[in-house]
């Protein structure tokens, strides 16, 4: 198993890796809307936070030798299911290969963000 780390995505906020590669797949940790430069949540709306999450995921996938197009499964967590349509619009711009997906509403996310997404993808 290979642990993945990139400076282009936020550092882990706990005892875990940004991602791990095993058996030809990369398993990302859930990414939230932390800007890796400022180490802060910059956006306060679902659209802005989803864009930042996708940038973070893209950086982790790239560091692992993968991409959005190689995604097999995503798990998406929303603080409010009323944000689903706005989230889905941005999500769809990145995950054009239509991986399998689960999307659930949760009570609270780290740093009180609105969205978190994790990905399982094939490694190139």
PDB file of N, CA and C in Angstrom:
ATOM      1  N   UNK A   1       0.851  -1.175   0.000  1.00  0.00           N
ATOM      2  CA  UNK A   1       0.000   0.000   0.000  1.00  0.00           C
ATOM      3  C   UNK A   1       0.897   1.239   0.000  1.00  0.00           C
ATOM      4  N   UNK A   2       0.492   2.227  -0.783  1.00  0.00           N
ATOM      5  CA  UNK A   2       1.244   3.475  -0.896  1.00  0.00           C
ATOM      6  C   UNK A   2       0.379   4.616  -0.385  1.00  0.00           C
ATOM      7  N   UNK A   3       0.909   5.410   0.519  1.00  0.00           N
ATOM      8  CA  UNK A   3       0.203   6.591   1.030  1.00  0.00           C
ATOM      9  C   UNK A   3       0.451   7.758   0.084  1.00  0.00           C
ATOM     10  N   UNK A   4      -0.567   8.586  -0.121  1.00  0.00           N
ATOM     11  CA  UNK A   4      -0.481   9.725  -1.029  1.00  0.00           C
ATOM     12  C   UNK A   4      -0.502  11.020  -0.233  1.00  0.00           C
ATOM     13  N   UNK A   5       0.375  11.935  -0.621  1.00  0.00           N
ATOM     14  CA  UNK A   5       0.395  13.270  -0.022  1.00  0.00           C
ATOM     15  C   UNK A   5       0.753  14.273  -1.110  1.00  0.00           C
ATOM     16  N   UNK A   6       0.025  15.378  -1.159  1.00  0.00           N
ATOM     17  CA  UNK A   6       0.336  16.481  -2.061  1.00  0.00           C
ATOM     18  C   UNK A   6       0.119  17.792  -1.322  1.00  0.00           C
ATOM     19  N   UNK A   7       0.974  18.748  -1.606  1.00  0.00           N
ATOM     20  CA  UNK A   7       0.823  20.090  -1.039  1.00  0.00           C
ATOM     21  C   UNK A   7      -0.304  20.857  -1.726  1.00  0.00           C
ATOM     22  N   UNK A   8      -0.833  20.318  -2.842  1.00  0.00           N
ATOM     23  CA  UNK A   8      -1.887  20.984  -3.607  1.00  0.00           C
ATOM     24  C   UNK A   8      -3.294  20.698  -3.075  1.00  0.00           C
ATOM     25  N   UNK A   9      -3.361  19.982  -1.978  1.00  0.00           N
ATOM     26  CA  UNK A   9      -4.628  19.712  -1.298  1.00  0.00           C
ATOM     27  C   UNK A   9      -4.381  19.939   0.193  1.00  0.00           C
ATOM     28  N   UNK A  10      -5.441  20.164   0.953  1.00  0.00           N
ATOM     29  CA  UNK A  10      -5.254  20.426   2.385  1.00  0.00           C
ATOM     30  C   UNK A  10      -4.588  19.255   3.102  1.00  0.00           C
ATOM     31  N   UNK A  11      -3.799  19.591   4.109  1.00  0.00           N
ATOM     32  CA  UNK A  11      -3.206  18.563   4.959  1.00  0.00           C
ATOM     33  C   UNK A  11      -4.327  17.861   5.714  1.00  0.00           C
ATOM     34  N   UNK A  12      -4.102  16.617   6.049  1.00  0.00           N
ATOM     35  CA  UNK A  12      -5.069  15.869   6.841  1.00  0.00           C
ATOM     36  C   UNK A  12      -5.267  16.574   8.187  1.00  0.00           C
ATOM     37  N   UNK A  13      -6.507  16.655   8.644  1.00  0.00           N
ATOM     38  CA  UNK A  13      -6.807  17.313   9.918  1.00  0.00           C
ATOM     39  C   UNK A  13      -6.855  16.296  11.060  1.00  0.00           C
ATOM     40  N   UNK A  14      -6.325  15.127  10.823  1.00  0.00           N
ATOM     41  CA  UNK A  14      -6.302  14.077  11.834  1.00  0.00           C
ATOM     42  C   UNK A  14      -5.289  13.011  11.451  1.00  0.00           C
ATOM     43  N   UNK A  15      -5.311  11.884  12.133  1.00  0.00           N
ATOM     44  CA  UNK A  15      -4.345  10.811  11.869  1.00  0.00           C
ATOM     45  C   UNK A  15      -4.755   9.932  10.687  1.00  0.00           C
ATOM     46  N   UNK A  16      -4.671  10.481   9.503  1.00  0.00           N
ATOM     47  CA  UNK A  16      -5.005   9.743   8.279  1.00  0.00           C
ATOM     48  C   UNK A  16      -4.249  10.349   7.104  1.00  0.00           C
ATOM     49  N   UNK A  17      -4.252   9.647   5.974  1.00  0.00           N
ATOM     50  CA  UNK A  17      -3.598  10.097   4.750  1.00  0.00           C
ATOM     51  C   UNK A  17      -4.611  10.765   3.830  1.00  0.00           C
ATOM     52  N   UNK A  18      -4.118  11.593   2.917  1.00  0.00           N
ATOM     53  CA  UNK A  18      -5.009  12.177   1.908  1.00  0.00           C
ATOM     54  C   UNK A  18      -5.607  11.091   1.036  1.00  0.00           C
ATOM     55  N   UNK A  19      -4.825  10.028   0.807  1.00  0.00           N
ATOM     56  CA  UNK A  19      -5.300   8.896   0.006  1.00  0.00           C
ATOM     57  C   UNK A  19      -4.338   7.733   0.192  1.00  0.00           C
ATOM     58  N   UNK A  20      -4.787   6.569  -0.238  1.00  0.00           N
ATOM     59  CA  UNK A  20      -3.946   5.376  -0.248  1.00  0.00           C
ATOM     60  C   UNK A  20      -4.205   4.622  -1.545  1.00  0.00           C
ATOM     61  N   UNK A  21      -3.128   4.082  -2.119  1.00  0.00           N
ATOM     62  CA  UNK A  21      -3.232   3.277  -3.336  1.00  0.00           C
ATOM     63  C   UNK A  21      -2.989   1.820  -2.954  1.00  0.00           C
ATOM     64  N   UNK A  22      -3.896   0.965  -3.405  1.00  0.00           N
ATOM     65  CA  UNK A  22      -3.774  -0.469  -3.146  1.00  0.00           C
ATOM     66  C   UNK A  22      -4.537  -1.230  -4.231  1.00  0.00           C
ATOM     67  N   UNK A  23      -3.940  -2.285  -4.725  1.00  0.00           N
ATOM     68  CA  UNK A  23      -4.628  -3.142  -5.690  1.00  0.00           C
ATOM     69  C   UNK A  23      -5.078  -2.425  -6.946  1.00  0.00           C
ATOM     70  N   UNK A  24      -4.319  -1.437  -7.414  1.00  0.00           N
ATOM     71  CA  UNK A  24      -4.670  -0.720  -8.642  1.00  0.00           C
ATOM     72  C   UNK A  24      -5.744   0.329  -8.466  1.00  0.00           C
ATOM     73  N   UNK A  25      -6.127   0.598  -7.220  1.00  0.00           N
ATOM     74  CA  UNK A  25      -7.138   1.615  -6.939  1.00  0.00           C
ATOM     75  C   UNK A  25      -6.588   2.655  -5.963  1.00  0.00           C
ATOM     76  N   UNK A  26      -7.079   3.871  -6.084  1.00  0.00           N
ATOM     77  CA  UNK A  26      -6.787   4.909  -5.097  1.00  0.00           C
ATOM     78  C   UNK A  26      -8.065   5.159  -4.308  1.00  0.00           C
ATOM     79  N   UNK A  27      -7.907   5.226  -3.011  1.00  0.00           N
ATOM     80  CA  UNK A  27      -9.005   5.501  -2.087  1.00  0.00           C
ATOM     81  C   UNK A  27      -8.709   6.849  -1.446  1.00  0.00           C
ATOM     82  N   UNK A  28      -9.457   7.879  -1.817  1.00  0.00           N
ATOM     83  CA  UNK A  28      -9.195   9.189  -1.222  1.00  0.00           C
ATOM     84  C   UNK A  28      -9.912   9.309   0.108  1.00  0.00           C
ATOM     85  N   UNK A  29      -9.326  10.077   0.997  1.00  0.00           N
ATOM     86  CA  UNK A  29     -10.046  10.489   2.189  1.00  0.00           C
ATOM     87  C   UNK A  29     -11.058  11.531   1.750  1.00  0.00           C
ATOM     88  N   UNK A  30     -12.070  11.739   2.549  1.00  0.00           N
ATOM     89  CA  UNK A  30     -13.043  12.766   2.231  1.00  0.00           C
ATOM     90  C   UNK A  30     -12.375  14.122   2.165  1.00  0.00           C
ATOM     91  N   UNK A  31     -12.673  14.867   1.112  1.00  0.00           N
ATOM     92  CA  UNK A  31     -12.121  16.209   0.949  1.00  0.00           C
ATOM     93  C   UNK A  31     -13.205  17.230   1.247  1.00  0.00           C
ATOM     94  N   UNK A  32     -12.821  18.243   2.004  1.00  0.00           N
ATOM     95  CA  UNK A  32     -13.727  19.346   2.303  1.00  0.00           C
ATOM     96  C   UNK A  32     -13.180  20.608   1.665  1.00  0.00           C
ATOM     97  N   UNK A  33     -13.875  21.702   1.839  1.00  0.00           N
ATOM     98  CA  UNK A  33     -13.582  22.940   1.108  1.00  0.00           C
ATOM     99  C   UNK A  33     -12.502  23.801   1.752  1.00  0.00           C
ATOM    100  N   UNK A  34     -11.442  23.181   2.225  1.00  0.00           N
ATOM    101  CA  UNK A  34     -10.319  23.943   2.764  1.00  0.00           C
ATOM    102  C   UNK A  34      -9.384  24.307   1.626  1.00  0.00           C
ATOM    103  N   UNK A  35      -9.030  25.572   1.525  1.00  0.00           N
ATOM    104  CA  UNK A  35      -8.050  26.016   0.542  1.00  0.00           C
ATOM    105  C   UNK A  35      -6.671  25.591   1.048  1.00  0.00           C
ATOM    106  N   UNK A  36      -5.885  24.861   0.240  1.00  0.00           N
ATOM    107  CA  UNK A  36      -4.595  24.374   0.723  1.00  0.00           C
ATOM    108  C   UNK A  36      -3.571  25.487   0.966  1.00  0.00           C
ATOM    109  N   UNK A  37      -3.752  26.648   0.378  1.00  0.00           N
ATOM    110  CA  UNK A  37      -2.817  27.760   0.568  1.00  0.00           C
ATOM    111  C   UNK A  37      -3.109  28.493   1.870  1.00  0.00           C
ATOM    112  N   UNK A  38      -4.373  28.824   2.085  1.00  0.00           N
ATOM    113  CA  UNK A  38      -4.741  29.593   3.281  1.00  0.00           C
ATOM    114  C   UNK A  38      -5.083  28.701   4.470  1.00  0.00           C
ATOM    115  N   UNK A  39      -5.310  27.415   4.208  1.00  0.00           N
ATOM    116  CA  UNK A  39      -5.733  26.452   5.229  1.00  0.00           C
ATOM    117  C   UNK A  39      -7.037  26.881   5.899  1.00  0.00           C
ATOM    118  N   UNK A  40      -7.902  27.516   5.121  1.00  0.00           N
ATOM    119  CA  UNK A  40      -9.184  27.992   5.643  1.00  0.00           C
ATOM    120  C   UNK A  40     -10.290  27.689   4.642  1.00  0.00           C
ATOM    121  N   UNK A  41     -11.511  27.688   5.139  1.00  0.00           N
ATOM    122  CA  UNK A  41     -12.682  27.562   4.279  1.00  0.00           C
ATOM    123  C   UNK A  41     -12.985  28.960   3.764  1.00  0.00           C
ATOM    124  N   UNK A  42     -12.844  29.171   2.462  1.00  0.00           N
ATOM    125  CA  UNK A  42     -13.001  30.499   1.873  1.00  0.00           C
ATOM    126  C   UNK A  42     -14.438  30.775   1.433  1.00  0.00           C
ATOM    127  N   UNK A  43     -15.113  29.771   0.897  1.00  0.00           N
ATOM    128  CA  UNK A  43     -16.467  29.958   0.361  1.00  0.00           C
ATOM    129  C   UNK A  43     -17.504  29.657   1.433  1.00  0.00           C
ATOM    130  N   UNK A  44     -18.607  30.388   1.384  1.00  0.00           N
ATOM    131  CA  UNK A  44     -19.668  30.145   2.367  1.00  0.00           C
ATOM    132  C   UNK A  44     -20.941  29.596   1.742  1.00  0.00           C
ATOM    133  N   UNK A  45     -20.888  29.265   0.441  1.00  0.00           N
ATOM    134  CA  UNK A  45     -22.068  28.703  -0.221  1.00  0.00           C
ATOM    135  C   UNK A  45     -21.710  27.341  -0.814  1.00  0.00           C
ATOM    136  N   UNK A  46     -22.726  26.562  -1.131  1.00  0.00           N
ATOM    137  CA  UNK A  46     -22.503  25.202  -1.608  1.00  0.00           C
ATOM    138  C   UNK A  46     -21.741  25.179  -2.930  1.00  0.00           C
ATOM    139  N   UNK A  47     -22.008  26.119  -3.822  1.00  0.00           N
ATOM    140  CA  UNK A  47     -21.316  26.135  -5.116  1.00  0.00           C
ATOM    141  C   UNK A  47     -19.821  26.371  -4.928  1.00  0.00           C
ATOM    142  N   UNK A  48     -19.464  27.373  -4.168  1.00  0.00           N
ATOM    143  CA  UNK A  48     -18.054  27.677  -3.940  1.00  0.00           C
ATOM    144  C   UNK A  48     -17.342  26.559  -3.199  1.00  0.00           C
ATOM    145  N   UNK A  49     -18.014  25.987  -2.212  1.00  0.00           N
ATOM    146  CA  UNK A  49     -17.392  24.898  -1.461  1.00  0.00           C
ATOM    147  C   UNK A  49     -17.231  23.652  -2.324  1.00  0.00           C
ATOM    148  N   UNK A  50     -18.212  23.358  -3.158  1.00  0.00           N
ATOM    149  CA  UNK A  50     -18.113  22.184  -4.029  1.00  0.00           C
ATOM    150  C   UNK A  50     -16.969  22.355  -5.021  1.00  0.00           C
ATOM    151  N   UNK A  51     -16.799  23.532  -5.573  1.00  0.00           N
ATOM    152  CA  UNK A  51     -15.676  23.794  -6.487  1.00  0.00           C
ATOM    153  C   UNK A  51     -14.345  23.539  -5.778  1.00  0.00           C
ATOM    154  N   UNK A  52     -14.200  24.011  -4.542  1.00  0.00           N
ATOM    155  CA  UNK A  52     -12.952  23.802  -3.812  1.00  0.00           C
ATOM    156  C   UNK A  52     -12.734  22.324  -3.510  1.00  0.00           C
ATOM    157  N   UNK A  53     -13.786  21.625  -3.140  1.00  0.00           N
ATOM    158  CA  UNK A  53     -13.683  20.181  -2.901  1.00  0.00           C
ATOM    159  C   UNK A  53     -13.181  19.488  -4.164  1.00  0.00           C
ATOM    160  N   UNK A  54     -13.715  19.863  -5.322  1.00  0.00           N
ATOM    161  CA  UNK A  54     -13.304  19.223  -6.574  1.00  0.00           C
ATOM    162  C   UNK A  54     -11.846  19.539  -6.896  1.00  0.00           C
ATOM    163  N   UNK A  55     -11.399  20.748  -6.629  1.00  0.00           N
ATOM    164  CA  UNK A  55      -9.980  21.093  -6.829  1.00  0.00           C
ATOM    165  C   UNK A  55      -9.112  20.223  -5.931  1.00  0.00           C
ATOM    166  N   UNK A  56      -9.517  20.077  -4.681  1.00  0.00           N
ATOM    167  CA  UNK A  56      -8.751  19.258  -3.739  1.00  0.00           C
ATOM    168  C   UNK A  56      -8.713  17.798  -4.184  1.00  0.00           C
ATOM    169  N   UNK A  57      -9.870  17.262  -4.569  1.00  0.00           N
ATOM    170  CA  UNK A  57      -9.915  15.879  -5.052  1.00  0.00           C
ATOM    171  C   UNK A  57      -9.054  15.693  -6.297  1.00  0.00           C
ATOM    172  N   UNK A  58      -9.128  16.646  -7.213  1.00  0.00           N
ATOM    173  CA  UNK A  58      -8.323  16.573  -8.434  1.00  0.00           C
ATOM    174  C   UNK A  58      -6.839  16.515  -8.123  1.00  0.00           C
ATOM    175  N   UNK A  59      -6.395  17.299  -7.149  1.00  0.00           N
ATOM    176  CA  UNK A  59      -4.980  17.304  -6.770  1.00  0.00           C
ATOM    177  C   UNK A  59      -4.577  15.970  -6.155  1.00  0.00           C
ATOM    178  N   UNK A  60      -5.414  15.413  -5.309  1.00  0.00           N
ATOM    179  CA  UNK A  60      -5.109  14.125  -4.675  1.00  0.00           C
ATOM    180  C   UNK A  60      -5.119  13.011  -5.721  1.00  0.00           C
ATOM    181  N   UNK A  61      -6.109  13.011  -6.591  1.00  0.00           N
ATOM    182  CA  UNK A  61      -6.165  11.987  -7.644  1.00  0.00           C
ATOM    183  C   UNK A  61      -4.931  12.068  -8.544  1.00  0.00           C
ATOM    184  N   UNK A  62      -4.540  13.268  -8.925  1.00  0.00           N
ATOM    185  CA  UNK A  62      -3.358  13.446  -9.774  1.00  0.00           C
ATOM    186  C   UNK A  62      -2.105  12.933  -9.064  1.00  0.00           C
ATOM    187  N   UNK A  63      -1.954  13.264  -7.788  1.00  0.00           N
ATOM    188  CA  UNK A  63      -0.785  12.808  -7.032  1.00  0.00           C
ATOM    189  C   UNK A  63      -0.726  11.282  -6.953  1.00  0.00           C
ATOM    190  N   UNK A  64      -1.888  10.643  -7.034  1.00  0.00           N
ATOM    191  CA  UNK A  64      -1.965   9.183  -6.977  1.00  0.00           C
ATOM    192  C   UNK A  64      -1.830   8.530  -8.348  1.00  0.00           C
ATOM    193  N   UNK A  65      -1.754   9.345  -9.400  1.00  0.00           N
ATOM    194  CA  UNK A  65      -1.680   8.789 -10.750  1.00  0.00           C
ATOM    195  C   UNK A  65      -3.033   8.426 -11.315  1.00  0.00           C
ATOM    196  N   UNK A  66      -4.049   9.183 -10.928  1.00  0.00           N
ATOM    197  CA  UNK A  66      -5.408   8.915 -11.395  1.00  0.00           C
ATOM    198  C   UNK A  66      -6.058  10.222 -11.843  1.00  0.00           C
ATOM    199  N   UNK A  67      -7.373  10.179 -12.032  1.00  0.00           N
ATOM    200  CA  UNK A  67      -8.097  11.364 -12.492  1.00  0.00           C
ATOM    201  C   UNK A  67      -9.592  11.171 -12.238  1.00  0.00           C
ATOM    202  N   UNK A  68     -10.349  12.234 -12.417  1.00  0.00           N
ATOM    203  CA  UNK A  68     -11.808  12.147 -12.276  1.00  0.00           C
ATOM    204  C   UNK A  68     -12.392  11.109 -13.229  1.00  0.00           C
ATOM    205  N   UNK A  69     -11.856  11.042 -14.436  1.00  0.00           N
ATOM    206  CA  UNK A  69     -12.368  10.123 -15.450  1.00  0.00           C
ATOM    207  C   UNK A  69     -12.165   8.653 -15.115  1.00  0.00           C
ATOM    208  N   UNK A  70     -11.316   8.367 -14.141  1.00  0.00           N
ATOM    209  CA  UNK A  70     -11.049   6.982 -13.739  1.00  0.00           C
ATOM    210  C   UNK A  70     -11.792   6.612 -12.457  1.00  0.00           C
ATOM    211  N   UNK A  71     -12.673   7.512 -12.006  1.00  0.00           N
ATOM    212  CA  UNK A  71     -13.430   7.261 -10.777  1.00  0.00           C
ATOM    213  C   UNK A  71     -14.377   6.085 -10.956  1.00  0.00           C
ATOM    214  N   UNK A  72     -14.411   5.227  -9.953  1.00  0.00           N
ATOM    215  CA  UNK A  72     -15.286   4.062  -9.931  1.00  0.00           C
ATOM    216  C   UNK A  72     -16.494   4.326  -9.032  1.00  0.00           C
ATOM    217  N   UNK A  73     -16.251   4.981  -7.882  1.00  0.00           N
ATOM    218  CA  UNK A  73     -17.306   5.203  -6.888  1.00  0.00           C
ATOM    219  C   UNK A  73     -17.004   6.468  -6.105  1.00  0.00           C
ATOM    220  N   UNK A  74     -18.034   7.240  -5.845  1.00  0.00           N
ATOM    221  CA  UNK A  74     -17.904   8.404  -4.972  1.00  0.00           C
ATOM    222  C   UNK A  74     -18.911   8.286  -3.839  1.00  0.00           C
ATOM    223  N   UNK A  75     -18.554   8.879  -2.728  1.00  0.00           N
ATOM    224  CA  UNK A  75     -19.479   9.022  -1.611  1.00  0.00           C
ATOM    225  C   UNK A  75     -19.504  10.502  -1.263  1.00  0.00           C
ATOM    226  N   UNK A  76     -20.698  11.059  -1.254  1.00  0.00           N
ATOM    227  CA  UNK A  76     -20.875  12.494  -1.069  1.00  0.00           C
ATOM    228  C   UNK A  76     -21.707  12.748   0.183  1.00  0.00           C
ATOM    229  N   UNK A  77     -21.260  13.699   0.968  1.00  0.00           N
ATOM    230  CA  UNK A  77     -21.936  14.054   2.213  1.00  0.00           C
ATOM    231  C   UNK A  77     -22.349  15.517   2.143  1.00  0.00           C
ATOM    232  N   UNK A  78     -23.623  15.791   2.353  1.00  0.00           N
ATOM    233  CA  UNK A  78     -24.137  17.160   2.347  1.00  0.00           C
ATOM    234  C   UNK A  78     -24.685  17.499   3.717  1.00  0.00           C
ATOM    235  N   UNK A  79     -24.419  18.712   4.165  1.00  0.00           N
ATOM    236  CA  UNK A  79     -24.968  19.166   5.442  1.00  0.00           C
ATOM    237  C   UNK A  79     -26.464  19.441   5.314  1.00  0.00           C
ATOM    238  N   UNK A  80     -26.923  19.713   4.091  1.00  0.00           N
ATOM    239  CA  UNK A  80     -28.329  20.034   3.858  1.00  0.00           C
ATOM    240  C   UNK A  80     -28.735  19.494   2.489  1.00  0.00           C
ATOM    241  N   UNK A  81     -29.643  18.551   2.438  1.00  0.00           N
ATOM    242  CA  UNK A  81     -30.059  17.962   1.172  1.00  0.00           C
ATOM    243  C   UNK A  81     -30.752  18.973   0.260  1.00  0.00           C
ATOM    244  N   UNK A  82     -31.157  20.114   0.789  1.00  0.00           N
ATOM    245  CA  UNK A  82     -31.690  21.181  -0.055  1.00  0.00           C
ATOM    246  C   UNK A  82     -30.625  21.746  -0.995  1.00  0.00           C
ATOM    247  N   UNK A  83     -29.354  21.474  -0.712  1.00  0.00           N
ATOM    248  CA  UNK A  83     -28.249  21.913  -1.569  1.00  0.00           C
ATOM    249  C   UNK A  83     -27.948  20.921  -2.687  1.00  0.00           C
ATOM    250  N   UNK A  84     -28.707  19.831  -2.761  1.00  0.00           N
ATOM    251  CA  UNK A  84     -28.401  18.754  -3.705  1.00  0.00           C
ATOM    252  C   UNK A  84     -28.317  19.241  -5.151  1.00  0.00           C
ATOM    253  N   UNK A  85     -29.272  20.009  -5.617  1.00  0.00           N
ATOM    254  CA  UNK A  85     -29.286  20.433  -7.026  1.00  0.00           C
ATOM    255  C   UNK A  85     -28.049  21.271  -7.361  1.00  0.00           C
ATOM    256  N   UNK A  86     -27.712  22.228  -6.511  1.00  0.00           N
ATOM    257  CA  UNK A  86     -26.543  23.079  -6.762  1.00  0.00           C
ATOM    258  C   UNK A  86     -25.255  22.251  -6.698  1.00  0.00           C
ATOM    259  N   UNK A  87     -25.174  21.347  -5.720  1.00  0.00           N
ATOM    260  CA  UNK A  87     -24.018  20.452  -5.614  1.00  0.00           C
ATOM    261  C   UNK A  87     -23.908  19.587  -6.864  1.00  0.00           C
ATOM    262  N   UNK A  88     -25.015  18.985  -7.265  1.00  0.00           N
ATOM    263  CA  UNK A  88     -25.035  18.056  -8.386  1.00  0.00           C
ATOM    264  C   UNK A  88     -24.595  18.718  -9.690  1.00  0.00           C
ATOM    265  N   UNK A  89     -24.963  19.974  -9.872  1.00  0.00           N
ATOM    266  CA  UNK A  89     -24.574  20.701 -11.087  1.00  0.00           C
ATOM    267  C   UNK A  89     -23.054  20.797 -11.204  1.00  0.00           C
ATOM    268  N   UNK A  90     -22.384  21.122 -10.115  1.00  0.00           N
ATOM    269  CA  UNK A  90     -20.924  21.252 -10.143  1.00  0.00           C
ATOM    270  C   UNK A  90     -20.272  19.870 -10.184  1.00  0.00           C
ATOM    271  N   UNK A  91     -20.764  18.951  -9.393  1.00  0.00           N
ATOM    272  CA  UNK A  91     -20.256  17.582  -9.386  1.00  0.00           C
ATOM    273  C   UNK A  91     -20.246  17.017 -10.813  1.00  0.00           C
ATOM    274  N   UNK A  92     -21.314  17.233 -11.547  1.00  0.00           N
ATOM    275  CA  UNK A  92     -21.452  16.704 -12.897  1.00  0.00           C
ATOM    276  C   UNK A  92     -20.436  17.242 -13.891  1.00  0.00           C
ATOM    277  N   UNK A  93     -19.877  18.412 -13.625  1.00  0.00           N
ATOM    278  CA  UNK A  93     -18.839  18.972 -14.504  1.00  0.00           C
ATOM    279  C   UNK A  93     -17.523  18.212 -14.362  1.00  0.00           C
ATOM    280  N   UNK A  94     -17.303  17.609 -13.223  1.00  0.00           N
ATOM    281  CA  UNK A  94     -16.046  16.908 -12.948  1.00  0.00           C
ATOM    282  C   UNK A  94     -16.156  15.406 -13.183  1.00  0.00           C
ATOM    283  N   UNK A  95     -17.245  14.807 -12.765  1.00  0.00           N
ATOM    284  CA  UNK A  95     -17.411  13.358 -12.868  1.00  0.00           C
ATOM    285  C   UNK A  95     -18.252  13.015 -14.096  1.00  0.00           C
ATOM    286  N   UNK A  96     -17.698  13.312 -15.269  1.00  0.00           N
ATOM    287  CA  UNK A  96     -18.414  13.085 -16.526  1.00  0.00           C
ATOM    288  C   UNK A  96     -18.470  11.609 -16.905  1.00  0.00           C
ATOM    289  N   UNK A  97     -17.634  10.782 -16.268  1.00  0.00           N
ATOM    290  CA  UNK A  97     -17.635   9.348 -16.567  1.00  0.00           C
ATOM    291  C   UNK A  97     -18.745   8.603 -15.825  1.00  0.00           C
ATOM    292  N   UNK A  98     -19.508   9.320 -15.008  1.00  0.00           N
ATOM    293  CA  UNK A  98     -20.665   8.784 -14.286  1.00  0.00           C
ATOM    294  C   UNK A  98     -20.328   7.574 -13.406  1.00  0.00           C
ATOM    295  N   UNK A  99     -19.424   7.759 -12.427  1.00  0.00           N
ATOM    296  CA  UNK A  99     -19.138   6.652 -11.518  1.00  0.00           C
ATOM    297  C   UNK A  99     -20.348   6.340 -10.640  1.00  0.00           C
ATOM    298  N   UNK A 100     -20.329   5.177 -10.008  1.00  0.00           N
ATOM    299  CA  UNK A 100     -21.352   4.876  -9.008  1.00  0.00           C
ATOM    300  C   UNK A 100     -21.241   5.923  -7.898  1.00  0.00           C
ATOM    301  N   UNK A 101     -22.363   6.209  -7.213  1.00  0.00           N
ATOM    302  CA  UNK A 101     -22.334   7.272  -6.216  1.00  0.00           C
ATOM    303  C   UNK A 101     -23.356   7.030  -5.125  1.00  0.00           C
ATOM    304  N   UNK A 102     -22.983   7.409  -3.930  1.00  0.00           N
ATOM    305  CA  UNK A 102     -23.920   7.538  -2.816  1.00  0.00           C
ATOM    306  C   UNK A 102     -23.869   8.994  -2.392  1.00  0.00           C
ATOM    307  N   UNK A 103     -25.013   9.549  -2.029  1.00  0.00           N
ATOM    308  CA  UNK A 103     -25.067  10.935  -1.556  1.00  0.00           C
ATOM    309  C   UNK A 103     -26.038  10.983  -0.381  1.00  0.00           C
ATOM    310  N   UNK A 104     -25.527  11.385   0.761  1.00  0.00           N
ATOM    311  CA  UNK A 104     -26.346  11.397   1.965  1.00  0.00           C
ATOM    312  C   UNK A 104     -26.230  12.744   2.677  1.00  0.00           C
ATOM    313  N   UNK A 105     -27.259  13.058   3.424  1.00  0.00           N
ATOM    314  CA  UNK A 105     -27.226  14.239   4.291  1.00  0.00           C
ATOM    315  C   UNK A 105     -26.723  13.802   5.660  1.00  0.00           C
ATOM    316  N   UNK A 106     -25.896  14.623   6.247  1.00  0.00           N
ATOM    317  CA  UNK A 106     -25.341  14.345   7.569  1.00  0.00           C
ATOM    318  C   UNK A 106     -25.600  15.538   8.479  1.00  0.00           C
ATOM    319  N   UNK A 107     -25.546  15.297   9.764  1.00  0.00           N
ATOM    320  CA  UNK A 107     -25.848  16.354  10.716  1.00  0.00           C
ATOM    321  C   UNK A 107     -24.797  17.465  10.699  1.00  0.00           C
ATOM    322  N   UNK A 108     -23.519  17.088  10.758  1.00  0.00           N
ATOM    323  CA  UNK A 108     -22.435  18.064  10.803  1.00  0.00           C
ATOM    324  C   UNK A 108     -21.212  17.490  10.100  1.00  0.00           C
ATOM    325  N   UNK A 109     -20.472  18.358   9.426  1.00  0.00           N
ATOM    326  CA  UNK A 109     -19.227  17.971   8.771  1.00  0.00           C
ATOM    327  C   UNK A 109     -18.065  18.717   9.435  1.00  0.00           C
ATOM    328  N   UNK A 110     -16.837  18.234   9.272  1.00  0.00           N
ATOM    329  CA  UNK A 110     -15.686  18.923   9.866  1.00  0.00           C
ATOM    330  C   UNK A 110     -15.631  20.398   9.443  1.00  0.00           C
ATOM    331  N   UNK A 111     -15.225  21.230  10.380  1.00  0.00           N
ATOM    332  CA  UNK A 111     -15.100  22.671  10.143  1.00  0.00           C
ATOM    333  C   UNK A 111     -16.425  23.310   9.750  1.00  0.00           C
ATOM    334  N   UNK A 112     -17.538  22.612   9.992  1.00  0.00           N
ATOM    335  CA  UNK A 112     -18.883  23.093   9.655  1.00  0.00           C
ATOM    336  C   UNK A 112     -19.057  23.420   8.171  1.00  0.00           C
ATOM    337  N   UNK A 113     -18.356  22.667   7.316  1.00  0.00           N
ATOM    338  CA  UNK A 113     -18.511  22.861   5.880  1.00  0.00           C
ATOM    339  C   UNK A 113     -19.846  22.292   5.428  1.00  0.00           C
ATOM    340  N   UNK A 114     -20.188  22.559   4.187  1.00  0.00           N
ATOM    341  CA  UNK A 114     -21.465  22.144   3.626  1.00  0.00           C
ATOM    342  C   UNK A 114     -21.386  20.837   2.843  1.00  0.00           C
ATOM    343  N   UNK A 115     -20.158  20.422   2.451  1.00  0.00           N
ATOM    344  CA  UNK A 115     -20.008  19.259   1.577  1.00  0.00           C
ATOM    345  C   UNK A 115     -18.664  18.579   1.816  1.00  0.00           C
ATOM    346  N   UNK A 116     -18.681  17.251   1.668  1.00  0.00           N
ATOM    347  CA  UNK A 116     -17.465  16.440   1.702  1.00  0.00           C
ATOM    348  C   UNK A 116     -17.644  15.332   0.674  1.00  0.00           C
ATOM    349  N   UNK A 117     -16.564  15.018  -0.061  1.00  0.00           N
ATOM    350  CA  UNK A 117     -16.633  13.977  -1.086  1.00  0.00           C
ATOM    351  C   UNK A 117     -15.383  13.109  -0.999  1.00  0.00           C
ATOM    352  N   UNK A 118     -15.589  11.781  -1.107  1.00  0.00           N
ATOM    353  CA  UNK A 118     -14.477  10.841  -1.207  1.00  0.00           C
ATOM    354  C   UNK A 118     -14.638  10.031  -2.486  1.00  0.00           C
ATOM    355  N   UNK A 119     -13.528   9.509  -2.992  1.00  0.00           N
ATOM    356  CA  UNK A 119     -13.519   8.845  -4.299  1.00  0.00           C
ATOM    357  C   UNK A 119     -12.702   7.551  -4.238  1.00  0.00           C
ATOM    358  N   UNK A 120     -13.172   6.570  -4.952  1.00  0.00           N
ATOM    359  CA  UNK A 120     -12.366   5.379  -5.272  1.00  0.00           C
ATOM    360  C   UNK A 120     -12.181   5.423  -6.782  1.00  0.00           C
ATOM    361  N   UNK A 121     -10.917   5.358  -7.225  1.00  0.00           N
ATOM    362  CA  UNK A 121     -10.640   5.468  -8.667  1.00  0.00           C
ATOM    363  C   UNK A 121      -9.536   4.510  -9.064  1.00  0.00           C
ATOM    364  N   UNK A 122      -9.523   4.149 -10.336  1.00  0.00           N
ATOM    365  CA  UNK A 122      -8.444   3.335 -10.888  1.00  0.00           C
ATOM    366  C   UNK A 122      -7.183   4.201 -10.998  1.00  0.00           C
ATOM    367  N   UNK A 123      -6.042   3.577 -10.766  1.00  0.00           N
ATOM    368  CA  UNK A 123      -4.768   4.251 -10.946  1.00  0.00           C
ATOM    369  C   UNK A 123      -4.312   3.986 -12.378  1.00  0.00           C
ATOM    370  N   UNK A 124      -3.815   5.018 -13.026  1.00  0.00           N
ATOM    371  CA  UNK A 124      -3.361   4.884 -14.422  1.00  0.00           C
ATOM    372  C   UNK A 124      -2.211   3.934 -14.566  1.00  0.00           C
TER     373      UNK A 124
END
